[in-house]
Protein backbone atom coordinates (compact mmCIF):
# COMPACT_ATOMS: atom_id res chain seq x y z
CA MET A 1 113.84 82.82 57.47
CA TYR A 2 110.43 83.82 56.14
CA LEU A 3 109.83 86.94 58.16
CA GLN A 4 111.13 89.44 55.59
CA PHE A 5 109.48 87.71 52.71
CA TYR A 6 106.08 88.05 54.27
CA GLY A 7 106.69 91.45 55.95
CA LEU A 8 106.40 90.08 59.47
CA GLN A 9 107.99 91.90 62.42
CA GLN A 10 108.34 88.72 64.56
CA ALA A 11 107.65 85.04 64.33
CA PRO A 12 103.86 84.61 64.67
CA PHE A 13 103.83 81.01 65.68
CA ASP A 14 106.66 80.79 68.20
CA ILE A 15 105.76 78.10 70.75
CA THR A 16 107.30 80.13 73.69
CA PRO A 17 104.34 81.28 76.05
CA ASN A 18 103.96 84.95 75.32
CA PRO A 19 101.11 86.78 76.95
CA ARG A 20 101.21 89.42 74.21
CA PHE A 21 99.92 86.75 71.79
CA LEU A 22 97.25 85.38 74.08
CA PHE A 23 94.15 84.58 72.00
CA HIS A 24 91.08 85.58 74.04
CA SER A 25 88.72 82.85 72.85
CA ALA A 26 85.50 82.53 74.97
CA LYS A 27 87.21 79.67 76.76
CA HIS A 28 90.42 81.58 77.53
CA ARG A 29 88.62 84.60 78.66
CA GLU A 30 86.39 82.54 81.02
CA ALA A 31 89.42 80.74 82.36
CA PHE A 32 91.27 84.08 82.91
CA ASN A 33 88.16 85.50 84.69
CA HIS A 34 87.96 82.28 86.90
CA LEU A 35 91.61 82.84 87.97
CA LEU A 36 91.21 86.58 88.70
CA TYR A 37 87.96 85.97 90.63
CA GLY A 38 89.54 83.33 92.80
CA ILE A 39 92.50 85.41 93.67
CA ARG A 40 90.52 88.70 94.13
CA GLU A 41 87.87 87.17 96.16
CA ARG A 42 90.47 85.32 98.33
CA LYS A 43 89.04 81.92 97.68
CA GLY A 44 92.25 80.22 98.89
CA PHE A 45 92.73 77.66 96.07
CA VAL A 46 92.08 77.89 92.39
CA GLN A 47 92.35 74.94 89.98
CA LEU A 48 92.99 75.25 86.24
CA THR A 49 93.36 72.16 84.03
CA GLY A 50 93.81 71.67 80.32
CA GLU A 51 95.50 69.41 77.84
CA VAL A 52 99.14 69.66 77.06
CA GLY A 53 99.63 72.80 74.84
CA ALA A 54 96.11 74.19 75.51
CA GLY A 55 97.52 77.55 76.66
CA LYS A 56 97.66 77.33 80.36
CA THR A 57 101.16 78.63 80.75
CA THR A 58 100.41 81.63 78.35
CA LEU A 59 97.33 82.38 80.62
CA CYS A 60 99.63 82.08 83.68
CA ARG A 61 101.99 84.70 82.17
CA ALA A 62 99.03 86.99 81.37
CA LEU A 63 97.82 86.56 84.87
CA LEU A 64 101.15 87.49 86.41
CA GLU A 65 101.20 90.65 84.22
CA GLN A 66 97.67 91.54 85.44
CA LEU A 67 98.78 91.09 89.06
CA GLU A 68 102.07 92.91 88.74
CA GLY A 69 102.33 95.86 91.06
CA HIS A 70 99.30 94.97 93.31
CA TYR A 71 100.25 91.39 94.38
CA SER A 72 103.37 89.63 95.53
CA THR A 73 103.58 86.58 93.36
CA ALA A 74 105.69 83.43 93.13
CA LEU A 75 105.77 80.99 90.22
CA ILE A 76 106.93 77.40 90.54
CA LEU A 77 107.50 75.86 87.12
CA ASN A 78 109.17 72.60 88.02
CA PRO A 79 107.46 71.11 91.12
CA VAL A 80 109.30 67.79 91.03
CA LEU A 81 111.00 68.42 94.38
CA ARG A 82 111.04 66.99 97.90
CA GLY A 83 108.89 68.61 100.53
CA ASP A 84 111.63 70.69 101.99
CA GLU A 85 112.95 71.75 98.57
CA LEU A 86 109.37 72.88 97.54
CA MET A 87 109.08 75.08 100.60
CA LYS A 88 112.63 76.67 99.97
CA ALA A 89 111.73 77.15 96.25
CA ILE A 90 108.59 78.99 97.19
CA ALA A 91 110.33 81.11 99.81
CA THR A 92 113.18 81.91 97.32
CA GLU A 93 110.63 82.97 94.75
CA TYR A 94 109.36 85.55 97.21
CA GLY A 95 112.92 86.80 97.69
CA LEU A 96 113.45 85.26 101.07
CA ASP A 97 116.91 84.01 102.20
CA VAL A 98 116.31 80.50 103.45
CA LYS A 99 119.65 78.97 102.69
CA GLY A 100 120.74 76.53 105.41
CA LYS A 101 117.24 76.68 107.12
CA ASP A 102 115.23 73.55 107.80
CA ARG A 103 111.66 73.04 106.89
CA MET A 104 110.27 74.48 110.08
CA GLU A 105 112.44 77.56 109.87
CA THR A 106 111.42 78.01 106.18
CA MET A 107 107.83 77.80 107.13
CA THR A 108 108.28 80.39 109.81
CA ALA A 109 110.03 82.68 107.35
CA LEU A 110 107.17 82.35 104.94
CA SER A 111 104.60 83.00 107.70
CA ASP A 112 106.43 86.10 108.74
CA PHE A 113 106.59 87.22 105.10
CA LEU A 114 102.94 86.65 104.47
CA LEU A 115 101.90 88.42 107.55
CA LYS A 116 104.08 91.44 106.68
CA GLN A 117 102.55 91.56 103.18
CA THR A 118 99.11 91.50 104.66
CA LEU A 119 99.90 94.47 107.06
CA ALA A 120 101.37 96.43 104.19
CA GLY A 121 98.05 95.88 102.31
CA ARG A 122 99.42 93.48 99.70
CA GLU A 123 97.90 90.27 98.66
CA THR A 124 100.25 87.23 98.03
CA VAL A 125 99.77 84.70 95.25
CA LEU A 126 101.46 81.36 94.66
CA ILE A 127 101.12 79.72 91.22
CA VAL A 128 102.19 76.07 90.69
CA ASP A 129 102.42 75.10 86.99
CA GLU A 130 102.53 71.45 85.96
CA ALA A 131 100.93 70.69 89.26
CA GLN A 132 99.92 67.18 88.10
CA ASN A 133 103.50 66.21 88.79
CA LEU A 134 103.19 66.99 92.51
CA THR A 135 103.28 63.85 94.68
CA GLU A 136 100.64 63.34 97.32
CA GLU A 137 103.27 64.37 99.90
CA LEU A 138 103.95 67.63 98.00
CA LEU A 139 100.24 68.43 97.53
CA GLU A 140 99.87 67.98 101.16
CA GLN A 141 102.75 70.41 101.72
CA VAL A 142 100.90 72.97 99.61
CA ARG A 143 97.77 72.50 101.71
CA LEU A 144 99.77 73.14 104.85
CA ILE A 145 101.22 76.41 103.46
CA SER A 146 97.51 77.39 102.78
CA ASN A 147 96.84 77.00 106.51
CA ILE A 148 98.77 80.21 107.32
CA GLU A 149 96.02 82.67 108.09
CA THR A 150 94.90 85.18 110.59
CA ASP A 151 91.52 85.02 112.40
CA ASP A 152 89.56 86.56 109.54
CA ARG A 153 91.43 85.86 106.28
CA LYS A 154 93.80 83.50 104.33
CA LEU A 155 97.21 85.11 103.79
CA LEU A 156 98.03 83.16 100.59
CA GLN A 157 96.16 82.59 97.46
CA ILE A 158 97.17 79.49 95.52
CA VAL A 159 96.61 78.53 91.93
CA LEU A 160 97.18 74.92 90.82
CA MET A 161 97.69 74.60 87.03
CA GLY A 162 98.13 71.26 85.26
CA GLN A 163 97.05 68.60 82.84
CA PRO A 164 93.79 66.71 83.33
CA GLU A 165 95.69 64.11 85.52
CA LEU A 166 95.65 66.80 88.22
CA ARG A 167 91.94 66.23 88.66
CA ASP A 168 92.49 62.61 88.92
CA ARG A 169 95.21 63.07 91.53
CA LEU A 170 93.00 65.41 93.54
CA ASN A 171 90.22 62.76 93.60
CA SER A 172 92.48 60.60 95.78
CA HIS A 173 90.79 59.93 99.18
CA LYS A 174 94.10 60.98 100.94
CA LEU A 175 93.84 64.44 99.37
CA ARG A 176 90.12 65.00 100.26
CA GLN A 177 91.01 67.81 102.66
CA LEU A 178 92.78 69.75 99.86
CA ARG A 179 90.13 68.93 97.25
CA GLN A 180 87.50 70.42 99.54
CA ARG A 181 89.42 73.63 99.79
CA ILE A 182 89.46 74.20 95.97
CA THR A 183 86.28 76.26 95.43
CA VAL A 184 87.15 77.60 91.97
CA ARG A 185 87.81 75.17 89.13
CA PHE A 186 88.01 75.55 85.42
CA HIS A 187 89.01 73.15 82.57
CA LEU A 188 90.45 74.76 79.42
CA ASN A 189 89.08 73.03 76.35
CA ALA A 190 90.62 73.02 72.80
CA LEU A 191 89.70 75.59 70.25
CA THR A 192 86.87 74.98 67.71
CA ARG A 193 87.39 74.92 64.06
CA THR A 194 86.16 78.47 63.74
CA GLU A 195 88.42 79.63 66.52
CA VAL A 196 91.43 77.97 64.93
CA GLY A 197 90.96 80.31 61.92
CA GLN A 198 90.55 83.27 64.16
CA TYR A 199 93.57 82.23 66.20
CA VAL A 200 95.83 82.09 63.07
CA HIS A 201 94.63 85.47 61.92
CA HIS A 202 95.08 86.90 65.39
CA ARG A 203 98.71 85.62 65.64
CA LEU A 204 99.59 86.91 62.21
CA ALA A 205 98.09 90.29 62.93
CA LEU A 206 100.08 90.76 66.13
CA ALA A 207 103.29 89.68 64.38
CA GLY A 208 102.74 92.57 61.97
CA SER A 209 101.18 90.98 58.96
CA PRO A 210 100.43 93.47 56.27
CA GLY A 211 97.65 91.29 55.03
CA THR A 212 99.84 88.46 53.91
CA PRO A 213 100.36 85.60 54.24
CA THR A 214 96.75 84.18 54.15
CA PHE A 215 95.73 80.63 54.91
CA THR A 216 93.08 79.18 52.63
CA THR A 217 89.94 77.78 54.14
CA PRO A 218 90.96 74.07 53.28
CA ALA A 219 94.40 74.89 54.92
CA ILE A 220 92.75 76.01 58.07
CA TRP A 221 90.57 72.94 58.01
CA ARG A 222 93.71 70.75 57.76
CA VAL A 223 95.39 72.69 60.59
CA TYR A 224 92.43 72.01 62.77
CA ARG A 225 92.29 68.38 61.82
CA TYR A 226 95.84 67.85 62.76
CA SER A 227 95.91 69.96 65.92
CA GLN A 228 92.47 69.21 67.28
CA GLY A 229 92.46 72.83 68.40
CA ILE A 230 95.44 72.64 70.64
CA PRO A 231 97.28 76.00 70.36
CA ARG A 232 100.78 74.52 70.64
CA LEU A 233 100.19 72.17 67.76
CA ILE A 234 98.55 75.01 65.67
CA ASN A 235 101.74 76.98 66.14
CA ALA A 236 103.99 74.18 65.17
CA VAL A 237 102.15 73.24 61.99
CA CYS A 238 101.59 76.92 60.90
CA ASP A 239 105.21 77.77 61.41
CA LYS A 240 106.21 74.84 59.10
CA ALA A 241 103.43 75.80 56.63
CA LEU A 242 104.84 79.47 56.34
CA LEU A 243 108.22 77.96 55.60
CA ALA A 244 106.73 75.72 52.91
CA GLY A 245 104.92 78.82 51.40
CA PHE A 246 108.30 80.81 51.59
CA VAL A 247 110.10 77.99 49.64
CA GLU A 248 107.32 78.14 46.93
CA ARG A 249 107.39 82.04 47.08
CA SER A 250 103.65 81.97 47.79
CA PHE A 251 101.57 84.44 49.87
CA ARG A 252 98.77 81.95 50.09
CA ILE A 253 99.12 78.94 52.30
CA ASN A 254 97.12 76.14 50.87
CA TYR A 255 96.04 72.60 51.88
CA GLN A 256 99.03 70.94 50.34
CA MET A 257 101.50 73.24 52.07
CA VAL A 258 99.91 72.32 55.41
CA GLY A 259 100.12 68.70 54.46
CA ARG A 260 103.90 69.08 53.82
CA ALA A 261 104.23 70.80 57.17
CA ILE A 262 102.44 67.98 58.99
CA ARG A 263 104.60 65.32 57.29
CA GLU A 264 107.73 67.20 58.34
CA LEU A 265 106.47 67.46 61.88
CA GLU A 266 105.74 63.73 62.03
CA GLY A 267 109.13 63.01 60.61
CA HIS A 268 108.02 61.61 57.31
CA ILE A 269 110.51 61.99 54.48
CA HIS A 270 108.92 63.23 51.31
CA THR A 271 110.07 64.48 47.98
């Protein structure tokens, strides 16, 4: 609704994970480099955690773009499955036909696939998003997949991405074998107040901003106070604030407009 008014080519604060809009804060760069290091150095397991909306899935999309053409990748977005279903979902992501096969047959098909990829000179990566939802049984299944190896190398690199609860889950005594295999870990923290201002400017610039709209310093402060530096919340409140600015035909988004956006997000009726 407000795109034409502000001269924007696309919505700057869409909450859909889009790697093009990835904001390379120091934290996000470090997280991305940890992921690449773990995969390229064949560390076996890599763990990335962060609060809801911190940008893990956007990082994941950017990682997949980086790996494209050089790696065979599989992404599991909804790991709330039974053990045999998880195996089949992984195999299907790699393009394998495992319909009607039991768990052992599926594992055999996966093993054959991984060995063929290695012989062809391709690395294979499995990314499990929302991994905090994996039961202990499913996490053990993931560990068993990681056992597929030759005498001198792992055939599969596995990235577990999830909320902080994932760290708690992996501290379980029952999962100590898996925990000991995770040699690369990173926790993605929220943005600072300074970074929030940079983030907002970054998103507007990528959306084609001709220099407008602008957020005043008090407006950015209020965005930060509400979002606590969580990108998804920043997007939600800034989108509403731009709408408030459009209604007032203003190219400057001020403290009051952000306040109106917050009240709308929180479901408070105002006049």
